[in-house]
Amino acid sequence: MTLFVGTSGWQYKDWRGVLYPAGCPTRLWLEEYAEHFTTVELNNAFYRLPTRENFAAWRDRVPEGFVVAVKASRYLTHIKRLKDPREPVDRLVSHAAGLGDRLGPVLVQLPPTLKEDADLLDECLGCFPSGTRVAVEPRHDSWWTPAVRKVLEARGAALCWADARSRPVTPLWRTTDWGYVRFHEGRARAWPRYGRRALETWVDRIATTWSDARDVYTYFNNDPGGAAVENAVTFARTATRAGLTATRTPELAARR
């Protein structure tokens, strides 16, 4: 198994002194991030879809082997609410193609007010080109049905495992041969950090679900105060001790 460990975004001012040296200009933060991590989840694409040229520029700024997961535009998920998905999916895919071989999974995060509609989800997933890795993060409890699971399995899409307050807020379904996990908020001090035991539990869940040579993408979204960076480091070390192959993370002690 390759366990990709990263954060949801990299442009956080309070990461100075945690990940970024005090004198590092913001225009070089992506390069600095890519020196210490192998993957990032591009969540600002949700708010405004970057151009193909923007994506291509990011591709040129990160090293070979770096993986960029892309959060789908809110136009598809929150404005259109998955209806008439062909045009917004085509636009997303054509723009993100600028990443070339750096492009990883696409995350489709649904609004919390969108209730279960397996047919709507099936139509949306069917618009993505064959071979595109798509992870779906529903946020209304009505989605946890056999019909939805069947759609995800049939389309080869991953159910995004999501954690909030150190507990799963989604079923732990394995719907395809790769995985996607998002960490939103832990319960340890100082907020919003995760404690070591919570991270150990997640490593065990992943190891027992994907025990073969598969890819699992994990992103920490608890960014305030550098919590995401610190937890990513602890998580990768915990996974390595458990015998998993985790991608690189920073040596925070040395940086401090």
Protein backbone atom coordinates (compact mmCIF):
# COMPACT_ATOMS: atom_id res chain seq x y z
CA MET A 1 0.00 0.00 0.00
CA THR A 2 1.09 3.56 -0.70
CA LEU A 3 -0.38 5.92 1.88
CA PHE A 4 -0.35 9.45 0.49
CA VAL A 5 -0.25 11.92 3.39
CA GLY A 6 -0.84 15.64 2.90
CA THR A 7 -2.98 18.62 3.83
CA SER A 8 -6.00 20.39 2.35
CA GLY A 9 -4.28 23.42 0.85
CA TRP A 10 -0.97 25.08 1.63
CA GLN A 11 -1.68 28.83 1.73
CA TYR A 12 -2.04 29.49 5.46
CA LYS A 13 -0.30 32.43 7.09
CA ASP A 14 -0.20 30.78 10.51
CA TRP A 15 2.01 28.02 9.10
CA ARG A 16 4.97 30.39 9.27
CA GLY A 17 7.36 28.92 11.78
CA VAL A 18 5.60 25.55 11.55
CA LEU A 19 6.22 24.58 7.92
CA TYR A 20 7.48 27.76 6.29
CA PRO A 21 10.62 29.59 7.44
CA ALA A 22 9.98 33.15 8.58
CA GLY A 23 11.80 34.62 5.59
CA CYS A 24 10.12 32.48 2.92
CA PRO A 25 7.93 34.65 0.62
CA THR A 26 4.36 33.49 0.05
CA ARG A 27 5.03 33.09 -3.69
CA LEU A 28 7.40 30.23 -2.85
CA TRP A 29 5.19 28.43 -0.34
CA LEU A 30 4.12 25.76 -2.84
CA GLU A 31 7.74 24.90 -3.62
CA GLU A 32 8.51 24.79 0.11
CA TYR A 33 5.48 22.61 0.75
CA ALA A 34 6.48 20.22 -2.05
CA GLU A 35 9.92 19.78 -0.52
CA HIS A 36 8.30 18.23 2.55
CA PHE A 37 5.13 16.54 1.24
CA THR A 38 4.38 14.39 -1.81
CA THR A 39 0.71 15.36 -2.14
CA VAL A 40 -1.75 18.18 -1.52
CA GLU A 41 -5.51 18.56 -1.82
CA LEU A 42 -6.26 21.68 -3.87
CA ASN A 43 -9.33 22.94 -2.06
CA ASN A 44 -9.39 26.49 -3.44
CA ALA A 45 -10.60 25.02 -6.75
CA PHE A 46 -13.92 24.61 -4.94
CA TYR A 47 -14.41 28.35 -4.60
CA ARG A 48 -13.23 29.35 -8.06
CA LEU A 49 -12.15 26.90 -10.72
CA PRO A 50 -8.62 27.79 -11.83
CA THR A 51 -7.82 28.02 -15.51
CA ARG A 52 -6.00 25.25 -17.34
CA GLU A 53 -3.02 27.63 -17.41
CA ASN A 54 -3.12 27.97 -13.61
CA PHE A 55 -3.12 24.21 -13.22
CA ALA A 56 -0.24 23.90 -15.70
CA ALA A 57 1.75 26.50 -13.77
CA TRP A 58 1.30 24.54 -10.53
CA ARG A 59 2.43 21.40 -12.35
CA ASP A 60 5.67 23.11 -13.33
CA ARG A 61 6.30 24.19 -9.72
CA VAL A 62 6.15 20.75 -8.09
CA PRO A 63 8.56 17.83 -8.55
CA GLU A 64 8.00 14.66 -10.50
CA GLY A 65 5.88 12.21 -8.57
CA PHE A 66 3.98 14.92 -6.69
CA VAL A 67 0.21 14.29 -6.59
CA VAL A 68 -2.46 17.01 -6.58
CA ALA A 69 -5.99 16.02 -5.57
CA VAL A 70 -8.55 18.53 -6.84
CA LYS A 71 -11.74 19.49 -5.02
CA ALA A 72 -14.56 19.90 -7.53
CA SER A 73 -16.00 23.36 -8.09
CA ARG A 74 -18.96 24.38 -5.96
CA TYR A 75 -20.74 25.27 -9.22
CA LEU A 76 -21.18 21.54 -9.79
CA THR A 77 -21.90 20.52 -6.21
CA HIS A 78 -23.53 23.48 -4.45
CA ILE A 79 -25.07 25.62 -7.20
CA LYS A 80 -26.11 22.98 -9.74
CA ARG A 81 -26.42 20.41 -6.92
CA LEU A 82 -25.28 17.70 -9.38
CA LYS A 83 -28.06 18.50 -11.88
CA ASP A 84 -27.09 18.74 -15.56
CA PRO A 85 -23.54 17.70 -14.68
CA ARG A 86 -22.05 17.25 -18.16
CA GLU A 87 -20.86 20.82 -18.77
CA PRO A 88 -19.41 21.54 -15.31
CA VAL A 89 -17.69 18.13 -15.17
CA ASP A 90 -16.23 18.58 -18.65
CA ARG A 91 -14.95 22.04 -17.71
CA LEU A 92 -13.44 20.76 -14.46
CA VAL A 93 -11.71 17.87 -16.20
CA SER A 94 -10.39 19.97 -19.08
CA HIS A 95 -8.97 22.61 -16.74
CA ALA A 96 -7.45 20.13 -14.28
CA ALA A 97 -5.79 18.32 -17.22
CA GLY A 98 -3.23 21.12 -17.05
CA LEU A 99 -1.70 19.22 -14.12
CA GLY A 100 -0.72 16.41 -16.46
CA ASP A 101 0.75 13.45 -14.60
CA ARG A 102 0.54 15.35 -11.29
CA LEU A 103 -3.25 15.05 -11.27
CA GLY A 104 -4.58 12.74 -8.57
CA PRO A 105 -8.17 12.08 -7.48
CA VAL A 106 -11.04 14.53 -7.85
CA LEU A 107 -13.04 15.11 -4.65
CA VAL A 108 -16.77 15.71 -5.05
CA GLN A 109 -17.95 17.10 -1.71
CA LEU A 110 -21.74 17.38 -1.53
CA PRO A 111 -23.53 20.16 0.37
CA PRO A 112 -24.94 19.13 3.77
CA THR A 113 -28.48 20.04 2.60
CA LEU A 114 -28.37 17.75 -0.45
CA LYS A 115 -30.30 14.59 0.32
CA GLU A 116 -29.80 11.16 -1.21
CA ASP A 117 -30.38 10.80 -4.93
CA ALA A 118 -28.56 7.75 -6.26
CA ASP A 119 -29.65 8.39 -9.87
CA LEU A 120 -28.34 11.96 -9.77
CA LEU A 121 -25.02 10.75 -8.38
CA ASP A 122 -24.81 8.03 -11.01
CA GLU A 123 -25.36 10.54 -13.83
CA CYS A 124 -22.68 12.84 -12.42
CA LEU A 125 -20.08 10.09 -12.00
CA GLY A 126 -20.83 8.86 -15.50
CA CYS A 127 -19.67 12.21 -16.91
CA PHE A 128 -16.08 11.72 -15.73
CA PRO A 129 -13.68 10.13 -18.24
CA SER A 130 -12.87 6.48 -17.72
CA GLY A 131 -9.88 6.08 -15.43
CA THR A 132 -10.50 9.29 -13.46
CA ARG A 133 -10.30 8.65 -9.75
CA VAL A 134 -13.30 10.30 -8.11
CA ALA A 135 -13.99 10.38 -4.37
CA VAL A 136 -17.44 11.40 -3.12
CA GLU A 137 -18.04 13.00 0.27
CA PRO A 138 -21.80 13.16 1.03
CA ARG A 139 -22.74 15.14 4.13
CA HIS A 140 -26.37 14.21 4.71
CA ASP A 141 -27.14 10.97 6.52
CA SER A 142 -29.79 9.98 3.96
CA TRP A 143 -26.99 8.94 1.57
CA TRP A 144 -26.03 5.81 3.50
CA THR A 145 -28.13 3.37 1.47
CA PRO A 146 -27.40 0.17 -0.48
CA ALA A 147 -28.37 1.98 -3.71
CA VAL A 148 -25.72 4.66 -3.19
CA ARG A 149 -23.08 2.11 -2.34
CA LYS A 150 -23.97 0.17 -5.49
CA VAL A 151 -23.56 3.32 -7.63
CA LEU A 152 -20.13 4.05 -6.14
CA GLU A 153 -19.00 0.47 -6.69
CA ALA A 154 -20.34 0.32 -10.25
CA ARG A 155 -18.64 3.61 -11.17
CA GLY A 156 -15.36 2.75 -9.44
CA ALA A 157 -15.68 5.81 -7.19
CA ALA A 158 -14.42 5.92 -3.62
CA LEU A 159 -16.60 6.88 -0.71
CA CYS A 160 -14.54 9.53 1.05
CA TRP A 161 -14.09 8.49 4.66
CA ALA A 162 -14.53 11.66 6.70
CA ASP A 163 -13.61 12.30 10.33
CA ALA A 164 -14.93 15.06 12.57
CA ARG A 165 -14.18 15.30 16.29
CA SER A 166 -12.06 12.13 16.04
CA ARG A 167 -14.86 9.87 14.86
CA PRO A 168 -16.07 8.70 11.44
CA VAL A 169 -19.03 10.67 10.10
CA THR A 170 -19.37 8.38 7.09
CA PRO A 171 -19.74 4.61 6.80
CA LEU A 172 -16.45 2.82 6.32
CA TRP A 173 -17.41 1.36 2.96
CA ARG A 174 -14.71 0.16 0.60
CA THR A 175 -16.30 0.87 -2.78
CA THR A 176 -13.24 0.63 -5.02
CA ASP A 177 -9.62 -0.55 -4.95
CA TRP A 178 -8.24 2.75 -3.59
CA GLY A 179 -9.17 4.96 -0.67
CA TYR A 180 -9.63 8.60 0.30
CA VAL A 181 -9.75 9.93 3.88
CA ARG A 182 -10.28 13.52 5.13
CA PHE A 183 -9.56 14.69 8.68
CA HIS A 184 -11.64 17.77 9.53
CA GLU A 185 -11.29 18.33 13.27
CA GLY A 186 -9.73 16.47 16.19
CA ARG A 187 -10.54 16.55 19.89
CA ALA A 188 -7.07 16.94 21.36
CA ARG A 189 -5.52 20.11 22.76
CA ALA A 190 -4.90 22.57 21.35
CA TRP A 191 -7.92 22.69 19.01
CA PRO A 192 -8.31 21.38 16.31
CA ARG A 193 -5.58 18.77 16.75
CA TYR A 194 -5.89 15.01 16.72
CA GLY A 195 -4.49 12.91 19.55
CA ARG A 196 -2.11 10.05 18.95
CA ARG A 197 -4.68 7.39 19.84
CA ALA A 198 -7.20 8.72 17.31
CA LEU A 199 -4.58 8.62 14.57
CA GLU A 200 -3.52 5.10 15.55
CA THR A 201 -7.15 3.99 15.20
CA TRP A 202 -7.34 5.46 11.71
CA VAL A 203 -4.12 3.74 10.67
CA ASP A 204 -5.62 0.44 11.84
CA ARG A 205 -8.85 1.06 9.90
CA ILE A 206 -6.90 1.76 6.73
CA ALA A 207 -4.50 -1.17 7.17
CA THR A 208 -7.29 -3.67 7.71
CA THR A 209 -9.34 -2.40 4.76
CA TRP A 210 -6.60 -2.00 2.15
CA SER A 211 -4.17 -4.77 2.93
CA ASP A 212 -2.80 -5.14 -0.60
CA ALA A 213 -0.78 -2.91 -2.94
CA ARG A 214 -3.32 -0.10 -3.22
CA ASP A 215 -3.27 3.70 -2.97
CA VAL A 216 -4.93 5.52 -0.08
CA TYR A 217 -5.00 9.33 -0.09
CA THR A 218 -5.26 11.08 3.28
CA TYR A 219 -5.59 14.83 3.85
CA PHE A 220 -5.72 16.89 7.02
CA ASN A 221 -8.16 19.80 6.80
CA ASN A 222 -7.66 21.00 10.41
CA ASP A 223 -5.34 23.78 9.27
CA PRO A 224 -5.51 26.41 12.10
CA GLY A 225 -2.24 26.86 13.95
CA GLY A 226 -0.44 24.31 11.81
CA ALA A 227 -2.41 21.44 13.35
CA ALA A 228 -2.79 19.78 9.95
CA VAL A 229 0.95 19.75 9.35
CA GLU A 230 1.77 18.39 12.81
CA ASN A 231 -0.93 15.71 12.63
CA ALA A 232 0.16 14.65 9.14
CA VAL A 233 3.67 14.06 10.46
CA THR A 234 2.42 12.01 13.42
CA PHE A 235 0.02 10.07 11.21
CA ALA A 236 2.74 9.15 8.69
CA ARG A 237 5.10 8.05 11.44
CA THR A 238 2.36 5.96 13.06
CA ALA A 239 1.55 4.33 9.72
CA THR A 240 5.21 3.57 9.06
CA ARG A 241 5.56 1.89 12.46
CA ALA A 242 2.51 -0.22 11.56
CA GLY A 243 4.28 -1.45 8.43
CA LEU A 244 2.59 0.80 5.86
CA THR A 245 4.46 2.76 3.20
CA ALA A 246 3.70 6.44 3.83
CA THR A 247 4.85 9.31 1.63
CA ARG A 248 7.28 11.88 3.01
CA THR A 249 6.37 14.45 5.65
CA PRO A 250 8.39 17.26 7.26
CA GLU A 251 10.83 16.93 10.13
CA LEU A 252 9.17 19.57 12.27
CA ALA A 253 11.51 19.27 15.22
CA ALA A 254 14.47 20.10 13.02
CA ARG A 255 12.66 23.07 11.47
CA ARG A 256 11.81 24.55 14.85
